PDB file of N, CA and C in Angstrom:
ATOM      1  N   MET A   1       0.807  -1.178  -0.095  1.00  0.00           N
ATOM      2  CA  MET A   1      -0.011   0.127  -0.007  1.00  0.00           C
ATOM      3  C   MET A   1       0.784   0.996  -0.133  1.00  0.00           C
ATOM      4  N   ALA A   2       0.574   2.162  -0.816  1.00  0.00           N
ATOM      5  CA  ALA A   2       1.230   3.375  -0.891  1.00  0.00           C
ATOM      6  C   ALA A   2       1.044   4.119   0.378  1.00  0.00           C
ATOM      7  N   ALA A   3       2.042   5.182   0.907  1.00  0.00           N
ATOM      8  CA  ALA A   3       1.945   6.271   1.627  1.00  0.00           C
ATOM      9  C   ALA A   3       1.079   7.450   1.266  1.00  0.00           C
ATOM     10  N   THR A   4      -0.112   7.523   2.153  1.00  0.00           N
ATOM     11  CA  THR A   4      -1.097   8.731   1.708  1.00  0.00           C
ATOM     12  C   THR A   4      -0.696   9.793   3.141  1.00  0.00           C
ATOM     13  N   ARG A   5      -1.379  10.843   2.810  1.00  0.00           N
ATOM     14  CA  ARG A   5      -1.512  11.793   3.458  1.00  0.00           C
ATOM     15  C   ARG A   5      -2.923  12.886   2.959  1.00  0.00           C
ATOM     16  N   THR A   6      -3.149  13.417   4.218  1.00  0.00           N
ATOM     17  CA  THR A   6      -4.390  14.225   4.057  1.00  0.00           C
ATOM     18  C   THR A   6      -3.957  15.487   5.070  1.00  0.00           C
ATOM     19  N   LEU A   7      -4.104  16.866   4.497  1.00  0.00           N
ATOM     20  CA  LEU A   7      -3.963  18.159   4.749  1.00  0.00           C
ATOM     21  C   LEU A   7      -4.911  18.048   6.480  1.00  0.00           C
ATOM     22  N   ILE A   8      -4.202  18.848   7.436  1.00  0.00           N
ATOM     23  CA  ILE A   8      -4.465  18.870   8.370  1.00  0.00           C
ATOM     24  C   ILE A   8      -4.903  20.687   8.516  1.00  0.00           C
ATOM     25  N   HIS A   9      -3.829  21.110   8.194  1.00  0.00           N
ATOM     26  CA  HIS A   9      -3.957  22.687   8.490  1.00  0.00           C
ATOM     27  C   HIS A   9      -3.242  23.041   7.329  1.00  0.00           C
ATOM     28  N   ASP A  10      -3.408  24.569   6.667  1.00  0.00           N
ATOM     29  CA  ASP A  10      -2.749  25.120   6.134  1.00  0.00           C
ATOM     30  C   ASP A  10      -2.699  26.788   6.670  1.00  0.00           C
ATOM     31  N   ALA A  11      -1.527  26.844   7.293  1.00  0.00           N
ATOM     32  CA  ALA A  11      -1.513  28.513   8.094  1.00  0.00           C
ATOM     33  C   ALA A  11      -1.405  29.344   6.976  1.00  0.00           C
ATOM     34  N   SER A  12      -1.899  30.680   7.827  1.00  0.00           N
ATOM     35  CA  SER A  12      -1.855  31.811   7.046  1.00  0.00           C
ATOM     36  C   SER A  12      -0.028  32.127   6.199  1.00  0.00           C
ATOM     37  N   ASN A  13       0.703  31.657   7.178  1.00  0.00           N
ATOM     38  CA  ASN A  13       2.339  32.035   6.247  1.00  0.00           C
ATOM     39  C   ASN A  13       2.947  30.938   5.292  1.00  0.00           C
ATOM     40  N   ASP A  14       1.955  30.023   5.138  1.00  0.00           N
ATOM     41  CA  ASP A  14       1.796  29.090   4.020  1.00  0.00           C
ATOM     42  C   ASP A  14       2.776  27.955   4.529  1.00  0.00           C
ATOM     43  N   ASP A  15       3.036  27.332   6.004  1.00  0.00           N
ATOM     44  CA  ASP A  15       3.251  26.502   6.675  1.00  0.00           C
ATOM     45  C   ASP A  15       2.192  25.177   6.034  1.00  0.00           C
ATOM     46  N   ARG A  16       2.271  24.021   5.922  1.00  0.00           N
ATOM     47  CA  ARG A  16       1.118  23.165   6.010  1.00  0.00           C
ATOM     48  C   ARG A  16       1.915  22.018   6.687  1.00  0.00           C
ATOM     49  N   TRP A  17       0.564  21.546   7.224  1.00  0.00           N
ATOM     50  CA  TRP A  17       0.486  19.994   8.126  1.00  0.00           C
ATOM     51  C   TRP A  17      -0.373  18.765   7.736  1.00  0.00           C
ATOM     52  N   PHE A  18       0.020  17.938   7.238  1.00  0.00           N
ATOM     53  CA  PHE A  18      -0.420  16.732   6.829  1.00  0.00           C
ATOM     54  C   PHE A  18      -0.399  15.465   7.956  1.00  0.00           C
ATOM     55  N   LEU A  19      -1.625  14.874   7.934  1.00  0.00           N
ATOM     56  CA  LEU A  19      -1.647  13.488   8.559  1.00  0.00           C
ATOM     57  C   LEU A  19      -1.016  12.690   7.386  1.00  0.00           C
ATOM     58  N   CYS A  20       0.061  11.573   7.945  1.00  0.00           N
ATOM     59  CA  CYS A  20       0.321  10.522   7.065  1.00  0.00           C
ATOM     60  C   CYS A  20       0.198   9.149   7.514  1.00  0.00           C
ATOM     61  N   ARG A  21       0.207   8.352   6.689  1.00  0.00           N
ATOM     62  CA  ARG A  21       0.154   6.757   7.156  1.00  0.00           C
ATOM     63  C   ARG A  21       1.309   6.064   5.742  1.00  0.00           C
ATOM     64  N   GLY A  22       2.641   5.748   6.562  1.00  0.00           N
ATOM     65  CA  GLY A  22       3.390   5.033   5.559  1.00  0.00           C
ATOM     66  C   GLY A  22       3.107   3.560   5.046  1.00  0.00           C
ATOM     67  N   GLU A  23       4.280   3.080   4.649  1.00  0.00           N
ATOM     68  CA  GLU A  23       3.469   1.310   4.000  1.00  0.00           C
ATOM     69  C   GLU A  23       3.134   0.843   4.733  1.00  0.00           C
ATOM     70  N   ASP A  24       3.421   0.759   6.046  1.00  0.00           N
ATOM     71  CA  ASP A  24       2.735   0.349   7.276  1.00  0.00           C
ATOM     72  C   ASP A  24       1.656   1.185   7.378  1.00  0.00           C
ATOM     73  N   PRO A  25       0.576   0.236   7.908  1.00  0.00           N
ATOM     74  CA  PRO A  25      -0.980   1.035   8.419  1.00  0.00           C
ATOM     75  C   PRO A  25      -0.646   1.651   9.965  1.00  0.00           C
ATOM     76  N   ALA A  26       0.469   0.581  10.649  1.00  0.00           N
ATOM     77  CA  ALA A  26       0.305   1.187  11.912  1.00  0.00           C
ATOM     78  C   ALA A  26       1.556   2.495  11.929  1.00  0.00           C
ATOM     79  N   ASP A  27       1.960   3.242  10.912  1.00  0.00           N
ATOM     80  CA  ASP A  27       3.131   4.093  10.765  1.00  0.00           C
ATOM     81  C   ASP A  27       2.186   5.483  10.611  1.00  0.00           C
ATOM     82  N   VAL A  28       1.990   6.231  10.982  1.00  0.00           N
ATOM     83  CA  VAL A  28       1.102   7.115  11.609  1.00  0.00           C
ATOM     84  C   VAL A  28       1.584   8.671  12.102  1.00  0.00           C
ATOM     85  N   PHE A  29       1.771   9.380  11.282  1.00  0.00           N
ATOM     86  CA  PHE A  29       2.978  10.308  11.639  1.00  0.00           C
ATOM     87  C   PHE A  29       2.334  11.850  11.145  1.00  0.00           C
ATOM     88  N   VAL A  30       2.583  13.204  11.643  1.00  0.00           N
ATOM     89  CA  VAL A  30       2.457  14.313  10.768  1.00  0.00           C
ATOM     90  C   VAL A  30       3.527  14.747  10.097  1.00  0.00           C
ATOM     91  N   SER A  31       3.474  15.311   8.938  1.00  0.00           N
ATOM     92  CA  SER A  31       4.177  16.193   8.288  1.00  0.00           C
ATOM     93  C   SER A  31       3.877  17.557   8.267  1.00  0.00           C
ATOM     94  N   HIS A  32       5.173  17.747   8.518  1.00  0.00           N
ATOM     95  CA  HIS A  32       4.879  19.668   8.555  1.00  0.00           C
ATOM     96  C   HIS A  32       5.859  20.282   7.462  1.00  0.00           C
ATOM     97  N   GLU A  33       5.484  20.675   6.333  1.00  0.00           N
ATOM     98  CA  GLU A  33       6.007  21.287   5.505  1.00  0.00           C
ATOM     99  C   GLU A  33       6.265  22.924   5.841  1.00  0.00           C
ATOM    100  N   ALA A  34       7.515  23.313   5.866  1.00  0.00           N
ATOM    101  CA  ALA A  34       7.563  24.840   6.000  1.00  0.00           C
ATOM    102  C   ALA A  34       7.443  25.819   4.942  1.00  0.00           C
ATOM    103  N   ASN A  35       6.871  26.932   5.281  1.00  0.00           N
ATOM    104  CA  ASN A  35       6.757  27.958   3.914  1.00  0.00           C
ATOM    105  C   ASN A  35       8.676  28.160   3.499  1.00  0.00           C
ATOM    106  N   ARG A  36       8.371  28.653   2.082  1.00  0.00           N
ATOM    107  CA  ARG A  36       9.573  28.586   1.138  1.00  0.00           C
ATOM    108  C   ARG A  36      10.531  29.482   1.996  1.00  0.00           C
ATOM    109  N   PRO A  37      10.189  30.818   2.202  1.00  0.00           N
ATOM    110  CA  PRO A  37      11.021  31.694   3.114  1.00  0.00           C
ATOM    111  C   PRO A  37      11.911  31.064   4.373  1.00  0.00           C
ATOM    112  N   SER A  38      10.889  30.141   5.053  1.00  0.00           N
ATOM    113  CA  SER A  38      11.724  29.241   5.953  1.00  0.00           C
ATOM    114  C   SER A  38      12.703  28.327   5.466  1.00  0.00           C
ATOM    115  N   GLY A  39      12.569  27.611   4.356  1.00  0.00           N
ATOM    116  CA  GLY A  39      13.472  26.981   3.734  1.00  0.00           C
ATOM    117  C   GLY A  39      12.216  25.389   2.559  1.00  0.00           C
ATOM    118  N   GLY A  40      11.446  25.844   2.920  1.00  0.00           N
ATOM    119  CA  GLY A  40      10.266  24.760   2.547  1.00  0.00           C
ATOM    120  C   GLY A  40      10.304  23.394   2.495  1.00  0.00           C
ATOM    121  N   THR A  41      11.473  23.366   3.952  1.00  0.00           N
ATOM    122  CA  THR A  41      11.786  21.774   4.069  1.00  0.00           C
ATOM    123  C   THR A  41      10.694  21.237   4.644  1.00  0.00           C
ATOM    124  N   ALA A  42      10.419  19.325   4.760  1.00  0.00           N
ATOM    125  CA  ALA A  42       9.378  18.992   5.508  1.00  0.00           C
ATOM    126  C   ALA A  42      10.109  17.862   6.290  1.00  0.00           C
ATOM    127  N   SER A  43       9.681  18.154   7.786  1.00  0.00           N
ATOM    128  CA  SER A  43       9.751  17.365   8.887  1.00  0.00           C
ATOM    129  C   SER A  43       8.693  16.497   9.335  1.00  0.00           C
ATOM    130  N   ARG A  44       9.389  15.275   9.475  1.00  0.00           N
ATOM    131  CA  ARG A  44       8.349  14.304  10.459  1.00  0.00           C
ATOM    132  C   ARG A  44       8.202  14.499  11.764  1.00  0.00           C
ATOM    133  N   ILE A  45       6.748  14.452  12.509  1.00  0.00           N
ATOM    134  CA  ILE A  45       6.667  14.691  13.925  1.00  0.00           C
ATOM    135  C   ILE A  45       5.710  13.285  13.921  1.00  0.00           C
ATOM    136  N   GLU A  46       6.553  12.628  14.920  1.00  0.00           N
ATOM    137  CA  GLU A  46       5.680  11.618  15.230  1.00  0.00           C
ATOM    138  C   GLU A  46       4.310  11.801  15.859  1.00  0.00           C
ATOM    139  N   LEU A  47       3.258  11.169  15.900  1.00  0.00           N
ATOM    140  CA  LEU A  47       1.741  11.463  16.161  1.00  0.00           C
ATOM    141  C   LEU A  47       1.612  11.699  17.635  1.00  0.00           C
ATOM    142  N   ALA A  48       2.433  10.855  18.746  1.00  0.00           N
ATOM    143  CA  ALA A  48       2.347  11.608  20.442  1.00  0.00           C
ATOM    144  C   ALA A  48       2.925  12.784  20.598  1.00  0.00           C
ATOM    145  N   THR A  49       4.173  12.996  19.656  1.00  0.00           N
ATOM    146  CA  THR A  49       4.702  14.070  19.867  1.00  0.00           C
ATOM    147  C   THR A  49       3.774  15.319  19.613  1.00  0.00           C
ATOM    148  N   PHE A  50       3.393  15.520  18.649  1.00  0.00           N
ATOM    149  CA  PHE A  50       2.551  16.406  17.811  1.00  0.00           C
ATOM    150  C   PHE A  50       1.391  16.599  18.820  1.00  0.00           C
ATOM    151  N   LEU A  51       0.640  15.422  18.965  1.00  0.00           N
ATOM    152  CA  LEU A  51      -0.753  15.658  19.853  1.00  0.00           C
ATOM    153  C   LEU A  51      -0.360  16.228  21.803  1.00  0.00           C
ATOM    154  N   ALA A  52       1.029  15.906  21.629  1.00  0.00           N
ATOM    155  CA  ALA A  52       1.205  16.596  23.099  1.00  0.00           C
ATOM    156  C   ALA A  52       1.859  18.039  22.959  1.00  0.00           C
ATOM    157  N   SER A  53       1.966  18.294  21.749  1.00  0.00           N
ATOM    158  CA  SER A  53       2.258  20.002  21.659  1.00  0.00           C
ATOM    159  C   SER A  53       1.382  21.011  21.941  1.00  0.00           C
ATOM    160  N   GLU A  54       1.431  21.954  22.144  1.00  0.00           N
ATOM    161  CA  GLU A  54       0.892  23.230  22.766  1.00  0.00           C
ATOM    162  C   GLU A  54      -1.045  23.389  22.348  1.00  0.00           C
ATOM    163  N   GLN A  55      -1.676  23.221  23.330  1.00  0.00           N
ATOM    164  CA  GLN A  55      -2.643  22.676  22.956  1.00  0.00           C
ATOM    165  C   GLN A  55      -3.804  23.677  22.209  1.00  0.00           C
ATOM    166  N   GLY A  56      -3.050  25.041  22.036  1.00  0.00           N
ATOM    167  CA  GLY A  56      -3.798  25.891  21.437  1.00  0.00           C
ATOM    168  C   GLY A  56      -3.298  26.272  19.909  1.00  0.00           C
ATOM    169  N   ALA A  57      -2.515  25.556  19.289  1.00  0.00           N
ATOM    170  CA  ALA A  57      -1.983  25.727  18.382  1.00  0.00           C
ATOM    171  C   ALA A  57      -2.907  25.171  17.434  1.00  0.00           C
ATOM    172  N   PRO A  58      -3.250  25.944  15.985  1.00  0.00           N
ATOM    173  CA  PRO A  58      -4.223  25.714  15.269  1.00  0.00           C
ATOM    174  C   PRO A  58      -4.123  24.440  14.318  1.00  0.00           C
ATOM    175  N   GLU A  59      -3.160  24.127  14.324  1.00  0.00           N
ATOM    176  CA  GLU A  59      -3.042  22.787  13.768  1.00  0.00           C
ATOM    177  C   GLU A  59      -2.988  21.019  14.536  1.00  0.00           C
ATOM    178  N   ARG A  60      -2.702  21.677  15.926  1.00  0.00           N
ATOM    179  CA  ARG A  60      -2.905  20.545  16.799  1.00  0.00           C
ATOM    180  C   ARG A  60      -4.304  20.452  17.111  1.00  0.00           C
ATOM    181  N   ARG A  61      -5.556  21.771  17.020  1.00  0.00           N
ATOM    182  CA  ARG A  61      -6.820  21.725  17.012  1.00  0.00           C
ATOM    183  C   ARG A  61      -7.483  21.204  15.971  1.00  0.00           C
ATOM    184  N   ALA A  62      -7.123  21.605  14.774  1.00  0.00           N
ATOM    185  CA  ALA A  62      -7.573  20.865  13.268  1.00  0.00           C
ATOM    186  C   ALA A  62      -7.224  19.159  13.810  1.00  0.00           C
ATOM    187  N   LEU A  63      -6.491  19.059  14.123  1.00  0.00           N
ATOM    188  CA  LEU A  63      -5.959  17.234  14.011  1.00  0.00           C
ATOM    189  C   LEU A  63      -7.012  16.636  14.880  1.00  0.00           C
ATOM    190  N   ALA A  64      -7.134  17.221  16.394  1.00  0.00           N
ATOM    191  CA  ALA A  64      -7.925  16.839  17.701  1.00  0.00           C
ATOM    192  C   ALA A  64      -9.535  17.044  16.661  1.00  0.00           C
ATOM    193  N   SER A  65      -9.731  18.019  15.611  1.00  0.00           N
ATOM    194  CA  SER A  65     -11.364  18.139  15.243  1.00  0.00           C
ATOM    195  C   SER A  65     -11.620  16.788  14.057  1.00  0.00           C
ATOM    196  N   MET A  66     -10.407  16.574  13.692  1.00  0.00           N
ATOM    197  CA  MET A  66     -10.698  15.119  12.623  1.00  0.00           C
ATOM    198  C   MET A  66     -10.813  14.266  13.491  1.00  0.00           C
ATOM    199  N   ILE A  67     -10.286  13.766  14.597  1.00  0.00           N
ATOM    200  CA  ILE A  67     -10.087  12.964  15.175  1.00  0.00           C
ATOM    201  C   ILE A  67     -11.386  12.800  15.570  1.00  0.00           C
ATOM    202  N   GLY A  68     -12.065  13.844  16.110  1.00  0.00           N
ATOM    203  CA  GLY A  68     -13.265  13.864  16.566  1.00  0.00           C
ATOM    204  C   GLY A  68     -14.420  13.681  15.814  1.00  0.00           C
ATOM    205  N   SER A  69     -14.455  13.921  14.978  1.00  0.00           N
ATOM    206  CA  SER A  69     -15.362  13.761  13.182  1.00  0.00           C
ATOM    207  C   SER A  69     -15.034  12.176  13.395  1.00  0.00           C
ATOM    208  N   LEU A  70     -14.204  11.435  13.536  1.00  0.00           N
ATOM    209  CA  LEU A  70     -14.114   9.841  13.311  1.00  0.00           C
ATOM    210  C   LEU A  70     -14.605   9.441  14.364  1.00  0.00           C
ATOM    211  N   VAL A  71     -14.437   9.787  15.381  1.00  0.00           N
ATOM    212  CA  VAL A  71     -15.164   9.128  16.512  1.00  0.00           C
ATOM    213  C   VAL A  71     -16.888   9.297  16.215  1.00  0.00           C
ATOM    214  N   LEU A  72     -17.316  10.293  16.170  1.00  0.00           N
ATOM    215  CA  LEU A  72     -18.565  10.712  15.958  1.00  0.00           C
ATOM    216  C   LEU A  72     -18.982   9.700  14.420  1.00  0.00           C
ATOM    217  N   ALA A  73     -18.375   9.464  13.396  1.00  0.00           N
ATOM    218  CA  ALA A  73     -18.896   8.443  12.269  1.00  0.00           C
ATOM    219  C   ALA A  73     -18.319   6.984  12.513  1.00  0.00           C
ATOM    220  N   GLY A  74     -17.741   6.689  13.397  1.00  0.00           N
ATOM    221  CA  GLY A  74     -17.681   5.295  13.789  1.00  0.00           C
ATOM    222  C   GLY A  74     -18.773   5.169  14.989  1.00  0.00           C
ATOM    223  N   GLN A  75     -19.464   6.141  15.798  1.00  0.00           N
ATOM    224  CA  GLN A  75     -20.640   6.058  16.494  1.00  0.00           C
ATOM    225  C   GLN A  75     -22.158   5.824  15.439  1.00  0.00           C
ATOM    226  N   SER A  76     -21.994   6.651  14.558  1.00  0.00           N
ATOM    227  CA  SER A  76     -22.968   6.144  13.859  1.00  0.00           C
ATOM    228  C   SER A  76     -23.021   5.045  13.244  1.00  0.00           C
ATOM    229  N   LEU A  77     -21.602   4.426  12.865  1.00  0.00           N
ATOM    230  CA  LEU A  77     -21.678   3.137  12.014  1.00  0.00           C
ATOM    231  C   LEU A  77     -21.652   1.571  13.078  1.00  0.00           C
ATOM    232  N   TRP A  78     -21.325   2.009  14.288  1.00  0.00           N
ATOM    233  CA  TRP A  78     -21.612   0.729  14.834  1.00  0.00           C
ATOM    234  C   TRP A  78     -23.073   0.983  16.025  1.00  0.00           C
ATOM    235  N   SER A  79     -23.586   1.976  16.308  1.00  0.00           N
ATOM    236  CA  SER A  79     -24.707   2.022  17.078  1.00  0.00           C
ATOM    237  C   SER A  79     -26.083   2.118  16.243  1.00  0.00           C
ATOM    238  N   ALA A  80     -26.730   0.792  16.022  1.00  0.00           N
ATOM    239  CA  ALA A  80     -27.825   0.787  14.860  1.00  0.00           C
ATOM    240  C   ALA A  80     -29.003   0.877  16.327  1.00  0.00           C
ATOM    241  N   PRO A  81     -30.101   1.656  15.507  1.00  0.00           N
ATOM    242  CA  PRO A  81     -31.060   1.815  16.403  1.00  0.00           C
ATOM    243  C   PRO A  81     -31.890   0.401  16.639  1.00  0.00           C
ATOM    244  N   ASN A  82     -32.791   0.594  17.713  1.00  0.00           N
ATOM    245  CA  ASN A  82     -33.164  -1.111  18.229  1.00  0.00           C
ATOM    246  C   ASN A  82     -34.821  -0.862  17.456  1.00  0.00           C
ATOM    247  N   PRO A  83     -34.735  -1.519  16.264  1.00  0.00           N
ATOM    248  CA  PRO A  83     -35.677  -1.960  15.515  1.00  0.00           C
ATOM    249  C   PRO A  83     -36.766  -2.365  16.499  1.00  0.00           C
ATOM    250  N   GLU A  84     -38.283  -1.418  15.825  1.00  0.00           N
ATOM    251  CA  GLU A  84     -39.092  -2.705  16.471  1.00  0.00           C
ATOM    252  C   GLU A  84     -39.722  -3.820  15.842  1.00  0.00           C
ATOM    253  N   PRO A  85     -40.430  -4.711  16.602  1.00  0.00           N
ATOM    254  CA  PRO A  85     -40.348  -6.292  15.585  1.00  0.00           C
ATOM    255  C   PRO A  85     -41.508  -5.800  14.808  1.00  0.00           C
ATOM    256  N   GLU A  86     -41.515  -7.041  13.927  1.00  0.00           N
ATOM    257  CA  GLU A  86     -42.326  -6.602  12.779  1.00  0.00           C
ATOM    258  C   GLU A  86     -43.613  -7.023  13.237  1.00  0.00           C
ATOM    259  N   PRO A  87     -44.683  -6.616  12.606  1.00  0.00           N
ATOM    260  CA  PRO A  87     -46.125  -6.901  12.861  1.00  0.00           C
ATOM    261  C   PRO A  87     -46.535  -8.608  12.954  1.00  0.00           C
ATOM    262  N   GLY A  88     -47.124  -8.936  13.707  1.00  0.00           N
ATOM    263  CA  GLY A  88     -47.146 -10.437  14.066  1.00  0.00           C
ATOM    264  C   GLY A  88     -46.136 -11.322  14.582  1.00  0.00           C
ATOM    265  N   ALA A  89     -45.366 -10.831  14.821  1.00  0.00           N
ATOM    266  CA  ALA A  89     -43.811 -11.525  15.353  1.00  0.00           C
ATOM    267  C   ALA A  89     -43.910 -11.685  16.689  1.00  0.00           C
ATOM    268  N   ALA A  90     -43.631 -13.139  17.118  1.00  0.00           N
ATOM    269  CA  ALA A  90     -43.958 -13.359  18.364  1.00  0.00           C
ATOM    270  C   ALA A  90     -43.046 -12.345  19.720  1.00  0.00           C
ATOM    271  N   SER A  91     -43.569 -12.053  20.537  1.00  0.00           N
ATOM    272  CA  SER A  91     -42.765 -11.239  21.767  1.00  0.00           C
ATOM    273  C   SER A  91     -41.888 -12.019  22.281  1.00  0.00           C
ATOM    274  N   ALA A  92     -40.680 -11.475  23.186  1.00  0.00           N
ATOM    275  CA  ALA A  92     -39.507 -11.866  23.186  1.00  0.00           C
ATOM    276  C   ALA A  92     -40.018 -12.581  24.867  1.00  0.00           C
ATOM    277  N   GLU A  93     -39.360 -13.804  25.066  1.00  0.00           N
ATOM    278  CA  GLU A  93     -39.603 -14.669  26.458  1.00  0.00           C
ATOM    279  C   GLU A  93     -39.054 -13.448  27.721  1.00  0.00           C
ATOM    280  N   PRO A  94     -39.554 -13.879  28.617  1.00  0.00           N
ATOM    281  CA  PRO A  94     -39.469 -13.092  29.981  1.00  0.00           C
ATOM    282  C   PRO A  94     -38.065 -13.589  30.431  1.00  0.00           C
ATOM    283  N   SER A  95     -37.408 -12.665  30.944  1.00  0.00           N
ATOM    284  CA  SER A  95     -36.153 -13.212  31.814  1.00  0.00           C
ATOM    285  C   SER A  95     -36.185 -14.020  32.652  1.00  0.00           C
ATOM    286  N   PRO A  96     -35.501 -14.274  33.505  1.00  0.00           N
ATOM    287  CA  PRO A  96     -35.734 -15.419  34.910  1.00  0.00           C
ATOM    288  C   PRO A  96     -36.169 -14.399  35.502  1.00  0.00           C
ATOM    289  N   GLY A  97     -37.306 -14.707  36.223  1.00  0.00           N
ATOM    290  CA  GLY A  97     -38.063 -13.878  37.441  1.00  0.00           C
ATOM    291  C   GLY A  97     -38.716 -12.849  37.146  1.00  0.00           C
ATOM    292  N   GLU A  98     -39.141 -13.055  36.126  1.00  0.00           N
ATOM    293  CA  GLU A  98     -39.908 -11.959  35.424  1.00  0.00           C
ATOM    294  C   GLU A  98     -41.100 -12.877  34.814  1.00  0.00           C
ATOM    295  N   GLU A  99     -41.968 -12.256  35.450  1.00  0.00           N
ATOM    296  CA  GLU A  99     -43.700 -12.895  34.935  1.00  0.00           C
ATOM    297  C   GLU A  99     -43.855 -12.528  33.531  1.00  0.00           C
ATOM    298  N   ALA A 100     -44.316 -13.311  32.949  1.00  0.00           N
ATOM    299  CA  ALA A 100     -44.986 -13.206  31.693  1.00  0.00           C
ATOM    300  C   ALA A 100     -46.144 -12.931  31.922  1.00  0.00           C
ATOM    301  N   SER A 101     -46.831 -11.681  31.083  1.00  0.00           N
ATOM    302  CA  SER A 101     -47.963 -11.146  31.121  1.00  0.00           C
ATOM    303  C   SER A 101     -49.294 -12.528  30.881  1.00  0.00           C
ATOM    304  N   ALA A 102     -50.574 -11.957  30.931  1.00  0.00           N
ATOM    305  CA  ALA A 102     -51.519 -13.055  30.806  1.00  0.00           C
ATOM    306  C   ALA A 102     -51.956 -12.469  29.250  1.00  0.00           C
ATOM    307  N   ILE A 103     -52.312 -13.285  28.699  1.00  0.00           N
ATOM    308  CA  ILE A 103     -52.610 -12.649  27.218  1.00  0.00           C
ATOM    309  C   ILE A 103     -54.422 -12.506  26.903  1.00  0.00           C
TER     310      ILE A 103
END
Protein backbone atom coordinates (compact mmCIF):
# COMPACT_ATOMS: atom_id res chain seq x y z
CA MET A 1 0.00 0.00 0.00
CA ALA A 2 1.39 3.42 -0.92
CA ALA A 3 1.92 6.13 1.66
CA THR A 4 -0.99 8.55 1.95
CA ARG A 5 -1.44 12.00 3.45
CA THR A 6 -4.34 14.30 4.31
CA LEU A 7 -4.05 18.04 4.89
CA ILE A 8 -4.59 18.94 8.55
CA HIS A 9 -3.94 22.68 8.48
CA ASP A 10 -2.76 25.31 6.01
CA ALA A 11 -1.43 28.30 7.98
CA SER A 12 -1.62 31.92 6.84
CA ASN A 13 2.21 31.93 6.52
CA ASP A 14 1.95 28.98 4.06
CA ASP A 15 3.22 26.35 6.52
CA ARG A 16 1.23 23.14 6.05
CA TRP A 17 0.68 20.08 8.24
CA PHE A 18 -0.41 16.68 6.90
CA LEU A 19 -1.60 13.53 8.65
CA CYS A 20 0.37 10.74 6.98
CA ARG A 21 0.33 6.96 6.90
CA GLY A 22 3.36 5.09 5.64
CA GLU A 23 3.59 1.77 3.85
CA ASP A 24 2.88 0.04 7.19
CA PRO A 25 -0.68 0.94 8.32
CA ALA A 26 0.65 1.38 11.89
CA ASP A 27 3.11 4.06 10.68
CA VAL A 28 1.01 7.20 11.31
CA PHE A 29 2.71 10.57 11.73
CA VAL A 30 2.41 14.30 10.98
CA SER A 31 4.45 15.94 8.25
CA HIS A 32 5.15 19.67 8.63
CA GLU A 33 6.07 21.49 5.42
CA ALA A 34 7.68 24.83 6.19
CA ASN A 35 6.98 27.82 3.93
CA ARG A 36 9.51 28.80 1.24
CA PRO A 37 11.08 31.70 3.19
CA SER A 38 11.76 29.21 6.01
CA GLY A 39 13.42 26.79 3.62
CA GLY A 40 10.37 24.81 2.47
CA THR A 41 11.63 21.62 4.05
CA ALA A 42 9.38 18.86 5.39
CA SER A 43 9.85 17.33 8.81
CA ARG A 44 8.33 14.21 10.31
CA ILE A 45 6.65 14.57 13.73
CA GLU A 46 5.60 11.46 15.59
CA LEU A 47 1.86 11.49 16.30
CA ALA A 48 2.22 11.34 20.11
CA THR A 49 4.69 14.25 20.04
CA PHE A 50 2.37 16.31 17.85
CA LEU A 51 -0.66 15.64 20.06
CA ALA A 52 1.37 16.56 23.15
CA SER A 53 2.30 19.93 21.62
CA GLU A 54 0.76 23.29 22.53
CA GLN A 55 -2.98 22.72 22.92
CA GLY A 56 -3.92 26.11 21.48
CA ALA A 57 -1.97 25.62 18.25
CA PRO A 58 -4.39 25.75 15.28
CA GLU A 59 -2.79 22.73 13.59
CA ARG A 60 -3.21 20.64 16.76
CA ARG A 61 -6.83 21.79 17.16
CA ALA A 62 -7.48 20.89 13.50
CA LEU A 63 -6.15 17.35 14.03
CA ALA A 64 -8.19 16.96 17.24
CA SER A 65 -11.28 18.04 15.27
CA MET A 66 -10.51 15.45 12.57
CA ILE A 67 -10.17 12.74 15.22
CA GLY A 68 -13.44 13.86 16.82
CA SER A 69 -15.27 13.59 13.50
CA LEU A 70 -13.96 10.02 13.13
CA VAL A 71 -15.33 9.17 16.56
CA LEU A 72 -18.75 10.54 15.60
CA ALA A 73 -18.67 8.68 12.28
CA GLY A 74 -17.75 5.46 14.09
CA GLN A 75 -20.63 5.89 16.52
CA SER A 76 -23.13 6.19 13.71
CA LEU A 77 -21.73 3.08 12.04
CA TRP A 78 -21.82 0.91 15.17
CA SER A 79 -24.88 2.14 17.02
CA ALA A 80 -27.80 0.79 15.06
CA PRO A 81 -31.22 1.81 16.39
CA ASN A 82 -33.31 -0.85 18.15
CA PRO A 83 -35.85 -1.82 15.53
CA GLU A 84 -39.43 -2.49 16.49
CA PRO A 85 -40.56 -6.10 15.99
CA GLU A 86 -42.37 -6.78 12.77
CA PRO A 87 -46.16 -6.92 13.03
CA GLY A 88 -47.27 -10.41 14.00
CA ALA A 89 -43.82 -11.37 15.34
CA ALA A 90 -43.70 -13.35 18.57
CA SER A 91 -42.84 -11.33 21.66
CA ALA A 92 -39.61 -11.94 23.53
CA GLU A 93 -39.40 -14.55 26.24
CA PRO A 94 -39.43 -13.12 29.75
CA SER A 95 -36.08 -13.06 31.52
CA PRO A 96 -35.62 -15.24 34.63
CA GLY A 97 -37.57 -13.80 37.57
CA GLU A 98 -39.86 -11.85 35.28
CA GLU A 99 -43.44 -12.99 35.01
CA ALA A 100 -45.08 -13.36 31.67
CA SER A 101 -48.14 -11.20 31.31
CA ALA A 102 -51.48 -12.86 30.63
CA ILE A 103 -52.76 -12.44 27.10
